[in-house]
Protein backbone atom coordinates (compact mmCIF):
# COMPACT_ATOMS: atom_id res chain seq x y z
CA UNK A 1 0.00 0.00 0.00
CA UNK A 2 1.01 3.62 -0.48
CA UNK A 3 1.81 5.14 2.92
CA UNK A 4 1.54 8.75 4.02
CA UNK A 5 -1.42 10.93 3.11
CA UNK A 6 -4.79 9.34 3.83
CA UNK A 7 -8.39 9.48 2.67
CA UNK A 8 -11.06 10.05 5.34
CA UNK A 9 -14.44 8.33 5.15
CA UNK A 10 -17.24 9.16 7.61
CA UNK A 11 -20.22 6.79 7.73
CA UNK A 12 -23.71 8.08 8.53
CA UNK A 13 -25.84 4.97 9.17
CA UNK A 14 -29.35 6.43 8.99
CA UNK A 15 -32.03 6.29 6.29
CA UNK A 16 -35.69 7.23 5.98
CA UNK A 17 -36.35 3.60 5.00
CA UNK A 18 -34.41 0.54 3.91
CA UNK A 19 -34.33 0.13 0.14
CA UNK A 20 -35.18 -3.35 -1.10
CA UNK A 21 -31.70 -4.02 -2.51
CA UNK A 22 -29.52 -2.35 0.13
CA UNK A 23 -26.93 -4.43 1.95
CA UNK A 24 -25.08 -1.53 3.58
CA UNK A 25 -25.06 -1.02 7.34
CA UNK A 26 -27.84 1.46 8.04
CA UNK A 27 -30.93 1.82 10.21
CA UNK A 28 -34.26 3.56 9.82
CA UNK A 29 -34.23 6.94 11.59
CA UNK A 30 -36.88 6.85 14.31
CA UNK A 31 -36.06 10.05 16.19
CA UNK A 32 -34.33 13.15 14.79
CA UNK A 33 -32.33 13.42 18.01
CA UNK A 34 -30.40 10.32 16.92
CA UNK A 35 -28.50 12.45 14.40
CA UNK A 36 -27.12 14.94 16.92
CA UNK A 37 -26.35 12.11 19.33
CA UNK A 38 -24.40 10.33 16.60
CA UNK A 39 -22.28 13.43 15.95
CA UNK A 40 -21.45 13.54 19.67
CA UNK A 41 -20.01 10.05 19.43
CA UNK A 42 -18.20 10.83 16.20
CA UNK A 43 -16.47 13.64 18.10
CA UNK A 44 -15.15 11.07 20.61
CA UNK A 45 -13.78 8.97 17.74
CA UNK A 46 -12.19 12.02 16.13
CA UNK A 47 -10.40 12.72 19.40
CA UNK A 48 -9.00 9.18 19.48
CA UNK A 49 -7.61 9.58 15.96
CA UNK A 50 -6.49 13.20 16.20
CA UNK A 51 -2.80 12.43 15.63
CA UNK A 52 -3.61 10.57 12.40
CA UNK A 53 -5.89 13.31 11.14
CA UNK A 54 -3.81 16.45 11.49
CA UNK A 55 -2.26 17.53 8.17
CA UNK A 56 -2.64 13.99 6.78
CA UNK A 57 -6.05 13.97 5.05
CA UNK A 58 -6.23 14.64 1.31
CA UNK A 59 -9.91 13.81 0.66
CA UNK A 60 -13.09 13.57 2.75
CA UNK A 61 -16.10 11.47 1.83
CA UNK A 62 -19.28 11.45 3.95
CA UNK A 63 -21.35 8.42 2.97
CA UNK A 64 -24.14 6.27 4.25
CA UNK A 65 -26.89 5.63 4.79
CA UNK A 66 -28.24 9.06 3.98
CA UNK A 67 -25.98 11.93 5.11
CA UNK A 68 -28.44 14.41 3.62
CA UNK A 69 -30.78 13.70 6.56
CA UNK A 70 -28.66 16.10 8.66
CA UNK A 71 -30.39 19.44 9.22
CA UNK A 72 -28.34 22.64 8.71
CA UNK A 73 -27.47 23.05 12.43
CA UNK A 74 -26.20 19.45 12.52
CA UNK A 75 -24.19 20.05 9.36
CA UNK A 76 -22.52 23.07 10.94
CA UNK A 77 -21.77 21.03 14.09
CA UNK A 78 -20.09 18.40 11.93
CA UNK A 79 -18.20 21.16 10.13
CA UNK A 80 -16.87 22.51 13.43
CA UNK A 81 -15.65 19.01 14.26
CA UNK A 82 -13.80 18.79 10.95
CA UNK A 83 -12.26 22.26 11.32
CA UNK A 84 -11.04 21.33 14.82
CA UNK A 85 -9.14 18.22 13.78
CA UNK A 86 -7.96 18.70 10.21
CA UNK A 87 -7.31 21.06 7.34
CA UNK A 88 -9.95 20.75 4.65
CA UNK A 89 -8.62 18.95 1.56
CA UNK A 90 -9.08 19.66 -2.13
CA UNK A 91 -11.99 17.23 -2.58
CA UNK A 92 -14.82 16.97 -0.05
CA UNK A 93 -17.76 14.79 -1.10
CA UNK A 94 -21.12 14.17 0.55
CA UNK A 95 -23.65 11.54 -0.52
CA UNK A 96 -27.26 12.63 -0.77
CA UNK A 97 -30.69 11.26 -1.62
CA UNK A 98 -33.23 13.38 -3.52
CA UNK A 99 -36.05 13.21 -0.97
CA UNK A 100 -33.98 14.82 1.81
CA UNK A 101 -32.37 17.71 -0.08
CA UNK A 102 -33.34 21.29 0.73
CA UNK A 103 -31.78 24.57 -0.26
CA UNK A 104 -30.80 25.34 3.35
CA UNK A 105 -28.96 22.03 3.69
CA UNK A 106 -27.11 22.52 0.41
CA UNK A 107 -26.01 25.99 1.52
CA UNK A 108 -24.73 24.50 4.78
CA UNK A 109 -22.75 21.85 2.88
CA UNK A 110 -21.07 24.53 0.85
CA UNK A 111 -20.34 26.58 3.97
CA UNK A 112 -18.44 23.74 5.65
CA UNK A 113 -16.32 23.08 2.57
CA UNK A 114 -18.18 20.41 0.61
CA UNK A 115 -17.35 20.81 -3.09
CA UNK A 116 -18.69 17.57 -4.59
CA UNK A 117 -22.08 15.87 -4.22
CA UNK A 118 -22.91 12.25 -5.07
CA UNK A 119 -26.66 11.95 -5.65
CA UNK A 120 -28.41 8.58 -5.42
CA UNK A 121 -30.81 8.95 -8.35
CA UNK A 122 -30.83 5.20 -9.30
CA UNK A 123 -33.50 5.69 -12.01
CA UNK A 124 -35.73 8.30 -13.64
CA UNK A 125 -38.58 5.78 -13.94
CA UNK A 126 -41.09 5.89 -11.08
CA UNK A 127 -42.10 2.24 -11.41
CA UNK A 128 -38.47 1.15 -11.20
CA UNK A 129 -37.90 3.41 -8.18
CA UNK A 130 -40.95 1.94 -6.45
CA UNK A 131 -39.75 -1.61 -7.13
CA UNK A 132 -36.33 -0.73 -5.68
CA UNK A 133 -38.05 0.63 -2.57
CA UNK A 134 -36.60 4.10 -3.04
CA UNK A 135 -38.29 6.84 -0.95
CA UNK A 136 -38.26 9.35 -3.81
CA UNK A 137 -39.79 9.84 -7.25
CA UNK A 138 -38.19 10.94 -10.50
CA UNK A 139 -39.72 14.36 -9.87
CA UNK A 140 -37.98 14.56 -6.50
CA UNK A 141 -34.67 13.83 -8.23
CA UNK A 142 -35.24 16.57 -10.78
CA UNK A 143 -36.05 19.07 -8.02
CA UNK A 144 -32.95 18.06 -6.05
CA UNK A 145 -30.71 18.37 -9.12
CA UNK A 146 -32.09 21.85 -9.78
CA UNK A 147 -31.08 22.96 -6.27
CA UNK A 148 -27.65 21.32 -6.43
CA UNK A 149 -26.76 22.92 -9.76
CA UNK A 150 -27.26 26.37 -8.20
CA UNK A 151 -24.40 25.75 -5.75
CA UNK A 152 -22.08 23.01 -7.06
CA UNK A 153 -20.24 22.42 -10.31
CA UNK A 154 -19.10 18.91 -9.42
CA UNK A 155 -22.09 16.58 -9.14
CA UNK A 156 -22.22 12.80 -9.57
CA UNK A 157 -25.29 10.61 -10.20
CA UNK A 158 -25.61 6.94 -9.18
CA UNK A 159 -27.73 4.54 -11.27
CA UNK A 160 -28.66 0.86 -11.04
CA UNK A 161 -29.23 -1.39 -14.05
CA UNK A 162 -30.11 -5.06 -14.49
CA UNK A 163 -33.30 -4.62 -12.45
CA UNK A 164 -35.94 -7.33 -13.08
CA UNK A 165 -38.69 -4.96 -14.28
CA UNK A 166 -36.33 -2.69 -16.23
CA UNK A 167 -35.81 -3.07 -19.99
CA UNK A 168 -33.38 -1.51 -22.43
CA UNK A 169 -35.85 1.22 -23.37
CA UNK A 170 -36.20 2.35 -19.74
CA UNK A 171 -32.41 2.22 -19.28
CA UNK A 172 -31.85 4.29 -22.42
CA UNK A 173 -34.38 6.92 -21.32
CA UNK A 174 -32.80 7.13 -17.85
CA UNK A 175 -29.29 7.74 -19.18
CA UNK A 176 -30.53 10.16 -21.84
CA UNK A 177 -32.36 12.15 -19.20
CA UNK A 178 -29.35 12.01 -16.87
CA UNK A 179 -26.86 13.55 -19.28
CA UNK A 180 -29.33 16.31 -20.13
CA UNK A 181 -28.56 17.68 -16.65
CA UNK A 182 -24.83 17.71 -17.42
CA UNK A 183 -23.48 15.83 -14.37
CA UNK A 184 -19.70 15.75 -14.24
CA UNK A 185 -19.65 12.13 -13.09
CA UNK A 186 -21.85 9.03 -13.25
CA UNK A 187 -21.64 5.64 -11.53
CA UNK A 188 -23.45 2.66 -13.07
CA UNK A 189 -23.94 -0.39 -10.86
CA UNK A 190 -25.44 -3.76 -11.81
CA UNK A 191 -28.07 -4.95 -9.35
CA UNK A 192 -26.85 -7.73 -7.07
CA UNK A 193 -28.82 -9.72 -4.52
CA UNK A 194 -27.27 -9.18 -1.09
CA UNK A 195 -27.93 -11.41 1.91
CA UNK A 196 -30.39 -9.99 4.41
CA UNK A 197 -32.12 -7.67 1.94
CA UNK A 198 -35.77 -7.64 0.94
CA UNK A 199 -34.75 -8.67 -2.58
CA UNK A 200 -32.89 -11.66 -1.13
CA UNK A 201 -36.05 -12.79 0.67
CA UNK A 202 -38.14 -12.31 -2.46
CA UNK A 203 -35.59 -14.16 -4.58
CA UNK A 204 -35.55 -17.17 -2.25
CA UNK A 205 -39.36 -17.29 -2.34
CA UNK A 206 -39.43 -17.05 -6.13
CA UNK A 207 -41.18 -13.67 -6.08
CA UNK A 208 -38.49 -12.12 -8.28
CA UNK A 209 -36.04 -13.51 -10.82
CA UNK A 210 -32.73 -12.03 -11.85
CA UNK A 211 -32.49 -10.48 -15.29
CA UNK A 212 -30.94 -12.54 -18.09
CA UNK A 213 -27.15 -12.11 -17.90
CA UNK A 214 -26.87 -11.30 -21.61
CA UNK A 215 -29.32 -8.41 -21.21
CA UNK A 216 -27.39 -7.13 -18.18
CA UNK A 217 -24.22 -7.15 -20.31
CA UNK A 218 -26.07 -5.36 -23.12
CA UNK A 219 -27.18 -2.67 -20.68
CA UNK A 220 -23.63 -2.16 -19.42
CA UNK A 221 -22.18 -1.99 -22.93
CA UNK A 222 -24.89 0.43 -24.02
CA UNK A 223 -24.08 2.64 -21.02
CA UNK A 224 -20.37 2.60 -21.83
CA UNK A 225 -20.85 3.54 -25.48
CA UNK A 226 -23.61 6.07 -24.83
CA UNK A 227 -21.62 7.92 -22.20
CA UNK A 228 -18.48 7.86 -24.34
CA UNK A 229 -20.41 9.44 -27.22
CA UNK A 230 -21.44 12.22 -24.83
CA UNK A 231 -17.97 13.05 -23.55
CA UNK A 232 -17.68 10.79 -20.50
CA UNK A 233 -14.60 8.66 -20.01
CA UNK A 234 -14.73 5.32 -18.23
CA UNK A 235 -11.88 5.50 -15.73
CA UNK A 236 -13.00 2.52 -13.61
CA UNK A 237 -15.31 -0.40 -14.38
CA UNK A 238 -18.43 1.31 -12.98
CA UNK A 239 -17.39 4.97 -13.05
CA UNK A 240 -17.46 7.60 -15.79
CA UNK A 241 -16.59 11.28 -15.78
CA UNK A 242 -15.67 14.31 -17.81
CA UNK A 243 -11.87 14.70 -17.99
CA UNK A 244 -10.53 15.96 -14.67
CA UNK A 245 -13.74 15.17 -12.76
CA UNK A 246 -12.85 11.67 -11.58
CA UNK A 247 -13.58 10.91 -7.92
CA UNK A 248 -10.21 11.56 -6.30
CA UNK A 249 -11.34 9.90 -3.09
CA UNK A 250 -12.47 6.67 -4.74
CA UNK A 251 -9.39 6.56 -6.93
CA UNK A 252 -7.45 6.27 -3.67
CA UNK A 253 -9.14 2.92 -2.97
CA UNK A 254 -8.39 1.60 -6.46
CA UNK A 255 -4.74 2.68 -6.29
CA UNK A 256 -4.34 1.08 -2.84
CA UNK A 257 -3.79 4.27 -0.83
CA UNK A 258 -4.29 4.26 2.94
CA UNK A 259 -7.66 5.38 4.29
CA UNK A 260 -9.25 6.01 7.67
CA UNK A 261 -12.93 5.28 8.29
CA UNK A 262 -14.91 6.77 11.17
CA UNK A 263 -18.42 5.89 12.26
CA UNK A 264 -20.45 2.71 12.63
CA UNK A 265 -19.14 -0.16 10.42
CA UNK A 266 -16.50 2.07 8.78
CA UNK A 267 -13.37 0.36 7.48
CA UNK A 268 -9.77 1.60 7.66
CA UNK A 269 -6.56 0.48 5.97
CA UNK A 270 -3.39 1.82 7.58
CA UNK A 271 0.17 0.42 7.55
CA UNK A 272 -0.96 -2.91 6.16
CA UNK A 273 -3.66 -3.42 8.79
CA UNK A 274 -7.39 -3.45 8.02
CA UNK A 275 -9.72 -2.29 10.79
CA UNK A 276 -13.52 -2.53 10.78
CA UNK A 277 -15.68 -0.69 13.32
CA UNK A 278 -18.62 -2.24 15.13
CA UNK A 279 -21.71 -2.49 12.95
CA UNK A 280 -23.92 -2.37 16.03
CA UNK A 281 -24.73 1.17 17.15
CA UNK A 282 -24.90 -0.03 20.75
CA UNK A 283 -21.41 -1.56 20.64
CA UNK A 284 -20.01 1.47 18.81
CA UNK A 285 -21.39 3.87 21.45
CA UNK A 286 -20.34 1.66 24.38
CA UNK A 287 -16.77 1.41 23.17
CA UNK A 288 -16.41 5.17 22.71
CA UNK A 289 -18.01 5.87 26.12
CA UNK A 290 -15.23 3.74 27.60
CA UNK A 291 -12.57 5.68 25.72
CA UNK A 292 -11.72 2.71 23.50
CA UNK A 293 -11.39 2.48 19.73
CA UNK A 294 -14.70 1.09 18.39
CA UNK A 295 -12.92 -1.61 16.39
CA UNK A 296 -14.71 -4.94 16.01
CA UNK A 297 -12.11 -6.61 13.81
CA UNK A 298 -8.57 -6.05 12.65
CA UNK A 299 -6.27 -8.02 10.38
CA UNK A 300 -2.61 -7.64 9.52
CA UNK A 301 -2.61 -8.43 5.82
CA UNK A 302 0.07 -10.73 4.48
CA UNK A 303 2.26 -9.46 1.66
CA UNK A 304 0.69 -12.05 -0.65
CA UNK A 305 -2.84 -10.88 0.17
CA UNK A 306 -1.92 -7.23 -0.33
CA UNK A 307 -0.32 -7.98 -3.70
CA UNK A 308 -3.45 -9.81 -4.85
CA UNK A 309 -5.74 -7.02 -3.64
CA UNK A 310 -3.56 -4.38 -5.28
CA UNK A 311 -3.67 -6.13 -8.65
CA UNK A 312 -7.46 -6.59 -8.51
CA UNK A 313 -8.10 -2.98 -7.53
CA UNK A 314 -5.68 -1.65 -10.12
CA UNK A 315 -7.22 -3.79 -12.88
CA UNK A 316 -10.57 -2.13 -12.18
CA UNK A 317 -9.13 1.13 -13.54
CA UNK A 318 -8.50 2.11 -17.14
CA UNK A 319 -4.75 2.43 -16.48
CA UNK A 320 -4.58 -1.07 -15.06
CA UNK A 321 -1.63 -2.64 -13.29
CA UNK A 322 1.51 -0.49 -13.27
CA UNK A 323 4.63 -2.65 -13.04
CA UNK A 324 6.96 0.04 -11.64
CA UNK A 325 4.41 1.10 -9.03
CA UNK A 326 3.96 -2.51 -7.94
CA UNK A 327 7.73 -2.89 -7.55
CA UNK A 328 7.94 0.37 -5.56
CA UNK A 329 5.26 -0.82 -3.13
CA UNK A 330 6.14 -4.49 -2.74
CA UNK A 331 9.80 -4.69 -3.80
CA UNK A 332 9.14 -7.50 -6.25
CA UNK A 333 8.34 -7.78 -9.96
CA UNK A 334 4.72 -9.01 -10.33
CA UNK A 335 5.73 -11.04 -13.39
CA UNK A 336 7.79 -13.29 -11.15
CA UNK A 337 4.48 -14.43 -9.60
CA UNK A 338 1.67 -13.71 -12.07
CA UNK A 339 3.34 -13.98 -15.49
CA UNK A 340 1.63 -17.26 -16.45
CA UNK A 341 -1.81 -16.02 -15.38
CA UNK A 342 -1.38 -12.77 -17.30
CA UNK A 343 -0.30 -14.71 -20.40
CA UNK A 344 -3.37 -16.95 -20.04
CA UNK A 345 -5.74 -13.98 -19.89
CA UNK A 346 -3.98 -12.29 -22.81
CA UNK A 347 -4.46 -15.44 -24.92
CA UNK A 348 -8.18 -15.36 -24.08
CA UNK A 349 -8.40 -11.70 -25.10
CA UNK A 350 -9.27 -10.62 -21.57
CA UNK A 351 -6.09 -8.67 -20.88
CA UNK A 352 -3.57 -6.63 -22.86
CA UNK A 353 -0.11 -5.14 -22.50
CA UNK A 354 0.21 -1.39 -21.98
CA UNK A 355 3.23 0.88 -21.99
CA UNK A 356 3.35 0.60 -18.19
CA UNK A 357 1.94 -2.86 -17.45
CA UNK A 358 -1.34 -4.70 -18.02
CA UNK A 359 -5.02 -3.85 -18.16
CA UNK A 360 -8.32 -5.55 -18.86
CA UNK A 361 -9.78 -5.35 -22.35
CA UNK A 362 -13.44 -4.48 -22.91
CA UNK A 363 -14.06 -8.22 -23.21
CA UNK A 364 -12.18 -8.82 -19.96
CA UNK A 365 -14.18 -6.22 -18.06
CA UNK A 366 -17.36 -8.21 -18.74
CA UNK A 367 -15.90 -11.21 -16.89
CA UNK A 368 -13.77 -9.25 -14.44
CA UNK A 369 -15.11 -10.98 -11.32
CA UNK A 370 -14.05 -14.38 -12.65
CA UNK A 371 -10.63 -13.00 -13.54
CA UNK A 372 -10.18 -11.54 -10.06
CA UNK A 373 -11.05 -14.90 -8.47
CA UNK A 374 -8.43 -16.59 -10.67
CA UNK A 375 -5.79 -14.06 -9.66
CA UNK A 376 -6.46 -14.52 -5.95
C-alpha cells in the first residue's frame, strides 16, 4: 500500500427507510435526536484519531446511509468538528438522496467546505424506483438536481441497471435524461442480490427472478458507449466522468492508498492493517463511552494478500496494473508471480499489455469478477 497521506471516510448509518436491494449497514431513523447524538459520538472517535488526522487527510467522503438527513445546524456542528481536527482537503464529497435535499442544507454543505455531491438517483422511472423501494420519485430527483446545480459544479449521479422490471428502453431513457442535466460524473452499478435484503427474501421465495445475464451485459455496454459518445470517459469499471472530474477519493481505494474510516461499520486500511468498526450502534457507542477504539475486527494483511488485492483494484481502472508502481510498493516484480496467469488472460483476449503494465480489455471487463477470483 502507499503510505503517508490518507483518505477520510465518515459513515452516517441512517435512512428514511431501507431500500429493497440495500446491503449496507444502516438503520431507519426513528427520532431526529439520533443524528445529533451520533455526531457527539463521532467527536469522541475524532479525538482518538487526532494524531492521524492532522495535516494527513487529502480527501473527505461522507457516505451512508443518507448523510443528507442532517439538518443545517447538525451540518454546521459536523463542520466545526472537521475544522477542529484537520485542514480541509481539495476534494470533499457528501452523498445525498433526492427526498432529503433542501436549499438550506445545500447551503450549509457549501459553507463547511463540501465541493462535490454524489446523488443517489438510481433511475428516472417511477415504477423502477418503487420496485427498488426508493423513498423518492423521479420528480424529487429533478427538483434536487435543480437545487444542487445552483451551488455546485461537481455533481455525480448513481444509477442501477439489471433490475428485473427494467428493460433496455427504460435504461436508455434514464441515461438520456441524466446527461441532459450535465453531471460531471456518473456511476453505473449492476443490481446484485445481497444477503439480508428484501430482494434476497423475495428471490428465495421465487417472487423475483434475476435479469438474463446477456441483457445485463447489453445494458452495461450500451451505457459505456452512450456515455463515451457524450464526452464521458470510463476510468473505472463502474465509473465515468468528464476529464478531470474523476472521484479523487475513490481513486485512492483503487490505487491502494491508505484510508481512515470513522463511524459505525466504517473500514480503515493503515500500515498494512485493516480495521472494521462495530456495525452495532450499541457496541459502537459503548466502546467510545469507555474511551476505546470502536474496532470490532482487525487483520494484519500478508504481503501475498496485499499484492493480490492491489492487482485486482488496479485492474478495475482504465490504467490497469503499473509494473513500476507494484515494484515500488512491494519490492518484487509481479511477473515473477503472475506472469503465467497474465499470459493466459492475454491469450483469451481478456487482458492486454500497456506501456506501463497490463489492463483488462473491454471483453475482460465483462468477466472481471471471474478474472479476479483466478488471480487470488
